[in-house]
Each structure stands twice: as C-alpha cells, then as structure tokens.
Amino acid sequence: MQHITHSSAIFGLNPMWLSGIILILVYIVLISEKINRAIIALIGAFIMIYAGLLNQHQAIEAIDFNTIFLLIGMMMMVSITAKTGVFQYVAIKSAKIVRANPIGIMLMIASITAVFSALLDNVTTVLLITPVLLLITEQLQVKAFPYLFTTIIASNIGGTATMIGDPPNIIIGSATHLNFSDFLYHMAPIAIVIMLCLCTLFWLIFSKSYKPTSKHAPASCALTNEKPSPTPHCSNNAQPFSH
C-alpha cells in the first residue's frame, strides 16, 4: 500500500491528525445512535477519500471481504434457525434437565450461550436467548439481572473461542494466516477456563439471587412447553405453559 504524504490531504493538512479527527467524529455520531451505523460508516469512508487520505484503490483494498461474506452467511443462518424455535427448545430443555434448579439453570444458560456465540453473532445470540431466559426467571420467581448479566458475559467469552464467533476474529485470522482449527486450538481452551472462572465468580456474587421466592416455582418452570409454536409466524419467545 502506498504511503500518504502530508501534501496529499485536503488543504495540505496533516493526514494523521485529519484521519484521527474524522475517526473521532464518526465514533461520536455512532455513540449518539441518531443515524444508522452503516450510513455513518459509509459517510466516514467517503470523507476519507474526498479529503485525499485514501484513493479508491486503497479503500477497496482495506475492505475485508471474508468478514463481510461471513456476516452475510451468519445472518442467513440465524434468520432460518430462529424460525425453527431451536433456541427456545434448547434453553427450556436445559432448564428441565437440571430440574429448574436456579444455579443449574445459570450454568446451563451460560454454557449454551457460549456455544451458540462461538458459532453465531454474539448480539443475535443474546437477543434470541433473552426472551426465553426472562420467561424462566419469571417462573422461578428469581431476579433476572444475574442471569442476563451472566448471559451477556458468556456470549462475549464464547465468541472468542472460534474464528467465526466475532467479526474481529476473522480479521485477525486472515491477517495472521490462521485457519479455523488453529484458531480453535489456541483460543478454545482459554475460553473454557475463563467460562469456569466466570460461573464460579457469579455464583459467589449472586448466590442469594439464585434462590426462588416460592417452593412451587421450580415445579411451575418444569411445566414450560419447550416445543415451538406450529403457527407459520414462529417467534423467539417461549410458548405458554401446557397444563
């Protein structure tokens, strides 16, 4: 890639300072969430080219098409998988396996979230797991915050285990010429150790919050129907109870 000289920037400005200012402004607008993030990113790229910091050839070279195609394929998989109700089924089935034990549910949900996040986008995994998790905590009559907090952290940890778990992972893998197996070999053991430490730490911090307020709450949770609705418009929310 060609080096950019000071004279290549608009009005003869220092390219380093100008690119830094553009980056900061783009991030400020992104944080405000007033405009769609894709639009802001494209406007920022356009300003970089217009200001002479990059030419079109350099801008195209900077695009990581591996990451873009990965995200497209992942979105297609999630869109199809979510309609099958598999996330609902696995989450509720796991709660039944541990007999609606609050601590057991925390461990199972954290593990499931980490596994799904290793294969899918983190944000999407949390959005699909959260409605089911809220239903389970409601039936257990326990605070939802510890479970939601554990799910969010577990999602981030699980996403680091594989090359497709996070968009930055595929960028790192492409830049370092690592394949999927190499990335998994180096990162998965670390992710597992961190997950064990996470579950232990959260159990110590939120141990009182994992106790149901009613003796009948676990039995009520065990009646939750894990099977998806047969209707065409299958949502991500868990279905009503089968009495």
Protein backbone atom coordinates (compact mmCIF):
# COMPACT_ATOMS: atom_id res chain seq x y z
CA MET A 1 0.00 0.00 0.00
CA GLN A 2 1.29 3.42 -0.88
CA HIS A 3 2.28 5.81 1.87
CA ILE A 4 0.30 9.04 2.11
CA THR A 5 2.34 12.22 2.19
CA HIS A 6 1.42 15.38 4.06
CA SER A 7 0.61 17.17 0.82
CA SER A 8 -1.91 14.52 -0.26
CA ALA A 9 -4.51 15.60 2.29
CA ILE A 10 -7.01 18.35 1.51
CA PHE A 11 -5.82 21.92 2.16
CA GLY A 12 -2.36 20.48 2.94
CA LEU A 13 -3.49 19.28 6.40
CA ASN A 14 -1.59 16.66 8.33
CA PRO A 15 -3.09 13.29 7.25
CA MET A 16 -2.58 11.71 10.68
CA TRP A 17 -4.44 14.47 12.53
CA LEU A 18 -7.16 14.74 9.91
CA SER A 19 -7.85 11.00 9.85
CA GLY A 20 -7.90 10.97 13.66
CA ILE A 21 -10.43 13.80 13.76
CA ILE A 22 -12.65 12.04 11.20
CA LEU A 23 -12.48 8.80 13.23
CA ILE A 24 -13.42 10.57 16.46
CA LEU A 25 -16.34 12.39 14.81
CA VAL A 26 -17.64 9.16 13.30
CA TYR A 27 -17.50 7.43 16.69
CA ILE A 28 -19.28 10.34 18.39
CA VAL A 29 -22.15 10.09 15.90
CA LEU A 30 -22.20 6.29 16.28
CA ILE A 31 -22.46 6.57 20.06
CA SER A 32 -25.30 9.07 19.77
CA GLU A 33 -27.29 6.46 17.76
CA LYS A 34 -29.09 9.24 15.91
CA ILE A 35 -28.24 7.88 12.45
CA ASN A 36 -27.95 4.36 11.13
CA ARG A 37 -24.46 2.96 11.76
CA ALA A 38 -24.00 1.73 8.19
CA ILE A 39 -24.76 5.19 6.84
CA ILE A 40 -22.28 6.81 9.22
CA ALA A 41 -19.56 4.32 8.28
CA LEU A 42 -20.09 4.99 4.58
CA ILE A 43 -20.06 8.76 5.11
CA GLY A 44 -16.83 8.45 7.10
CA ALA A 45 -15.24 6.40 4.30
CA PHE A 46 -16.42 8.94 1.71
CA ILE A 47 -14.87 11.81 3.69
CA MET A 48 -11.58 9.92 3.94
CA ILE A 49 -11.46 9.54 0.15
CA TYR A 50 -12.69 13.08 -0.56
CA ALA A 51 -10.10 14.54 1.83
CA GLY A 52 -7.33 12.76 -0.09
CA LEU A 53 -6.38 10.46 2.78
CA LEU A 54 -7.14 7.40 0.66
CA ASN A 55 -7.75 6.80 -3.00
CA GLN A 56 -10.44 4.43 -4.23
CA HIS A 57 -7.97 1.63 -4.88
CA GLN A 58 -6.67 1.80 -1.30
CA ALA A 59 -10.21 1.97 0.07
CA ILE A 60 -11.20 -1.22 -1.79
CA GLU A 61 -8.04 -2.97 -0.59
CA ALA A 62 -8.92 -2.08 3.02
CA ILE A 63 -12.24 -3.97 2.83
CA ASP A 64 -12.08 -7.45 4.36
CA PHE A 65 -14.48 -9.37 2.15
CA ASN A 66 -14.00 -12.53 4.26
CA THR A 67 -15.66 -10.75 7.18
CA ILE A 68 -18.46 -9.31 5.04
CA PHE A 69 -19.35 -12.66 3.49
CA LEU A 70 -19.11 -14.32 6.91
CA LEU A 71 -21.63 -11.84 8.34
CA ILE A 72 -23.97 -12.31 5.37
CA GLY A 73 -23.89 -16.09 5.74
CA MET A 74 -24.32 -15.83 9.51
CA MET A 75 -27.35 -13.57 9.17
CA MET A 76 -28.94 -16.04 6.77
CA MET A 77 -28.31 -18.94 9.16
CA VAL A 78 -29.69 -17.05 12.16
CA SER A 79 -32.77 -15.92 10.22
CA ILE A 80 -33.61 -19.50 9.28
CA THR A 81 -32.62 -21.09 12.60
CA ALA A 82 -34.57 -18.59 14.73
CA LYS A 83 -37.82 -19.53 12.96
CA THR A 84 -37.37 -23.19 13.92
CA GLY A 85 -37.51 -22.39 17.64
CA VAL A 86 -34.27 -24.25 18.36
CA PHE A 87 -33.00 -21.58 20.76
CA GLN A 88 -36.22 -21.76 22.77
CA TYR A 89 -36.16 -25.55 22.77
CA VAL A 90 -32.54 -25.86 23.92
CA ALA A 91 -32.86 -23.22 26.67
CA ILE A 92 -36.04 -24.60 28.21
CA LYS A 93 -34.96 -28.21 27.78
CA SER A 94 -31.75 -27.45 29.65
CA ALA A 95 -33.77 -25.90 32.48
CA LYS A 96 -35.76 -29.13 32.74
CA ILE A 97 -32.60 -31.26 32.71
CA VAL A 98 -31.33 -29.50 35.84
CA ARG A 99 -34.87 -29.77 37.32
CA ALA A 100 -35.30 -26.00 37.34
CA ASN A 101 -32.51 -25.54 39.84
CA PRO A 102 -31.62 -21.81 39.69
CA ILE A 103 -27.87 -22.35 39.91
CA GLY A 104 -28.05 -25.21 37.42
CA ILE A 105 -30.00 -23.02 35.02
CA MET A 106 -27.35 -20.31 35.34
CA LEU A 107 -24.63 -22.81 34.43
CA MET A 108 -26.63 -24.33 31.57
CA ILE A 109 -27.72 -21.00 30.07
CA ALA A 110 -24.17 -19.64 30.29
CA SER A 111 -22.81 -22.74 28.57
CA ILE A 112 -25.48 -22.72 25.86
CA THR A 113 -24.95 -19.02 25.21
CA ALA A 114 -21.19 -19.51 24.94
CA VAL A 115 -21.60 -22.40 22.47
CA PHE A 116 -24.10 -20.53 20.29
CA SER A 117 -21.93 -17.40 20.40
CA ALA A 118 -18.95 -19.42 19.19
CA LEU A 119 -20.95 -20.27 16.07
CA LEU A 120 -23.16 -17.20 15.63
CA ASP A 121 -23.07 -13.46 16.19
CA ASN A 122 -22.94 -12.51 19.90
CA VAL A 123 -25.65 -9.86 19.82
CA THR A 124 -28.02 -12.12 17.89
CA THR A 125 -27.46 -14.98 20.35
CA VAL A 126 -28.26 -12.76 23.34
CA LEU A 127 -31.39 -11.38 21.65
CA LEU A 128 -32.64 -14.92 20.96
CA ILE A 129 -31.81 -16.32 24.40
CA THR A 130 -33.07 -13.35 26.47
CA PRO A 131 -36.87 -13.79 25.93
CA VAL A 132 -36.65 -17.44 26.98
CA LEU A 133 -34.44 -16.55 29.93
CA LEU A 134 -36.90 -13.91 31.12
CA LEU A 135 -39.71 -16.44 30.99
CA ILE A 136 -37.69 -18.96 33.02
CA THR A 137 -36.72 -16.41 35.68
CA GLU A 138 -40.32 -15.26 35.91
CA GLN A 139 -41.49 -18.80 36.60
CA LEU A 140 -38.66 -19.39 39.08
CA GLN A 141 -39.54 -16.09 40.75
CA VAL A 142 -35.88 -15.02 40.87
CA LYS A 143 -34.17 -11.81 39.82
CA ALA A 144 -33.43 -11.75 36.11
CA PHE A 145 -30.40 -9.44 36.33
CA PRO A 146 -27.80 -12.04 37.42
CA TYR A 147 -28.88 -14.39 34.62
CA LEU A 148 -28.90 -11.65 32.00
CA PHE A 149 -25.52 -10.36 33.14
CA THR A 150 -24.07 -13.88 33.03
CA THR A 151 -25.54 -14.43 29.56
CA ILE A 152 -24.01 -11.23 28.18
CA ILE A 153 -20.53 -12.00 29.53
CA ALA A 154 -20.75 -15.65 28.45
CA SER A 155 -21.69 -14.51 24.95
CA ASN A 156 -18.54 -12.40 24.68
CA ILE A 157 -16.34 -15.18 26.03
CA GLY A 158 -17.84 -17.80 23.73
CA GLY A 159 -17.41 -15.51 20.75
CA THR A 160 -13.64 -15.51 21.26
CA ALA A 161 -13.34 -19.30 21.02
CA THR A 162 -13.68 -19.65 17.24
CA MET A 163 -12.73 -17.69 14.18
CA ILE A 164 -16.40 -17.17 13.27
CA GLY A 165 -17.52 -16.20 16.76
CA ASP A 166 -16.78 -12.49 16.26
CA PRO A 167 -16.09 -10.36 13.16
CA PRO A 168 -12.70 -9.24 14.59
CA ASN A 169 -11.71 -12.90 14.86
CA ILE A 170 -11.94 -13.48 11.12
CA ILE A 171 -9.95 -10.28 10.54
CA ILE A 172 -7.24 -11.47 12.94
CA GLY A 173 -7.27 -14.95 11.40
CA SER A 174 -6.94 -13.57 7.88
CA ALA A 175 -4.13 -11.20 8.84
CA THR A 176 -2.15 -13.91 10.65
CA HIS A 177 -2.97 -16.65 8.12
CA LEU A 178 -4.57 -18.89 10.75
CA ASN A 179 -7.16 -21.45 9.74
CA PHE A 180 -10.23 -22.39 11.74
CA SER A 181 -8.54 -25.32 13.52
CA ASP A 182 -5.50 -23.27 14.53
CA PHE A 183 -7.68 -20.50 15.97
CA LEU A 184 -9.83 -23.03 17.83
CA TYR A 185 -6.76 -24.84 19.20
CA HIS A 186 -5.30 -21.68 20.69
CA MET A 187 -8.44 -19.87 21.84
CA ALA A 188 -10.99 -22.53 22.88
CA PRO A 189 -9.06 -23.80 25.96
CA ILE A 190 -8.62 -20.23 27.20
CA ALA A 191 -12.32 -19.51 26.66
CA ILE A 192 -13.29 -22.65 28.62
CA VAL A 193 -11.07 -21.71 31.57
CA ILE A 194 -12.47 -18.16 31.62
CA MET A 195 -16.02 -19.56 31.47
CA LEU A 196 -15.36 -21.75 34.51
CA CYS A 197 -13.93 -18.78 36.39
CA LEU A 198 -16.90 -16.65 35.32
CA CYS A 199 -19.51 -19.14 36.56
CA THR A 200 -17.67 -19.56 39.87
CA LEU A 201 -17.36 -15.81 40.36
CA PHE A 202 -21.01 -15.10 39.53
CA TRP A 203 -22.15 -17.92 41.79
CA LEU A 204 -20.25 -16.30 44.67
CA ILE A 205 -21.52 -12.81 43.88
CA PHE A 206 -25.18 -13.62 43.10
CA SER A 207 -25.69 -16.75 45.24
CA LYS A 208 -28.57 -15.17 47.18
CA SER A 209 -30.30 -14.09 43.97
CA TYR A 210 -30.44 -17.67 42.69
CA LYS A 211 -32.86 -18.77 45.39
CA PRO A 212 -36.53 -18.94 44.27
CA THR A 213 -39.01 -16.98 46.37
CA SER A 214 -41.59 -19.77 46.19
CA LYS A 215 -41.25 -23.51 46.77
CA HIS A 216 -43.58 -24.18 43.85
CA ALA A 217 -41.61 -22.04 41.39
CA PRO A 218 -39.31 -24.84 40.10
CA ALA A 219 -42.33 -27.10 39.52
CA SER A 220 -44.07 -24.33 37.61
CA CYS A 221 -40.98 -23.80 35.48
CA ALA A 222 -40.85 -27.52 34.72
CA LEU A 223 -44.27 -27.23 33.04
CA THR A 224 -42.99 -24.77 30.44
CA ASN A 225 -43.51 -26.02 26.91
CA GLU A 226 -40.18 -26.08 25.06
CA LYS A 227 -41.68 -27.03 21.70
CA PRO A 228 -42.04 -24.21 19.17
CA SER A 229 -45.43 -22.99 18.06
CA PRO A 230 -46.81 -24.77 14.97
CA THR A 231 -48.00 -21.45 13.54
CA PRO A 232 -46.12 -20.06 10.49
CA HIS A 233 -45.05 -16.93 12.34
CA CYS A 234 -42.83 -18.54 14.92
CA SER A 235 -41.41 -16.01 17.36
CA ASN A 236 -38.36 -16.23 19.55
CA ASN A 237 -40.42 -16.01 22.72
CA ALA A 238 -41.16 -19.12 24.72
CA GLN A 239 -44.64 -20.57 24.44
CA PRO A 240 -47.27 -20.60 27.18
CA PHE A 241 -47.43 -23.41 29.70
CA SER A 242 -49.04 -26.73 28.95
CA HIS A 243 -51.21 -27.61 31.90
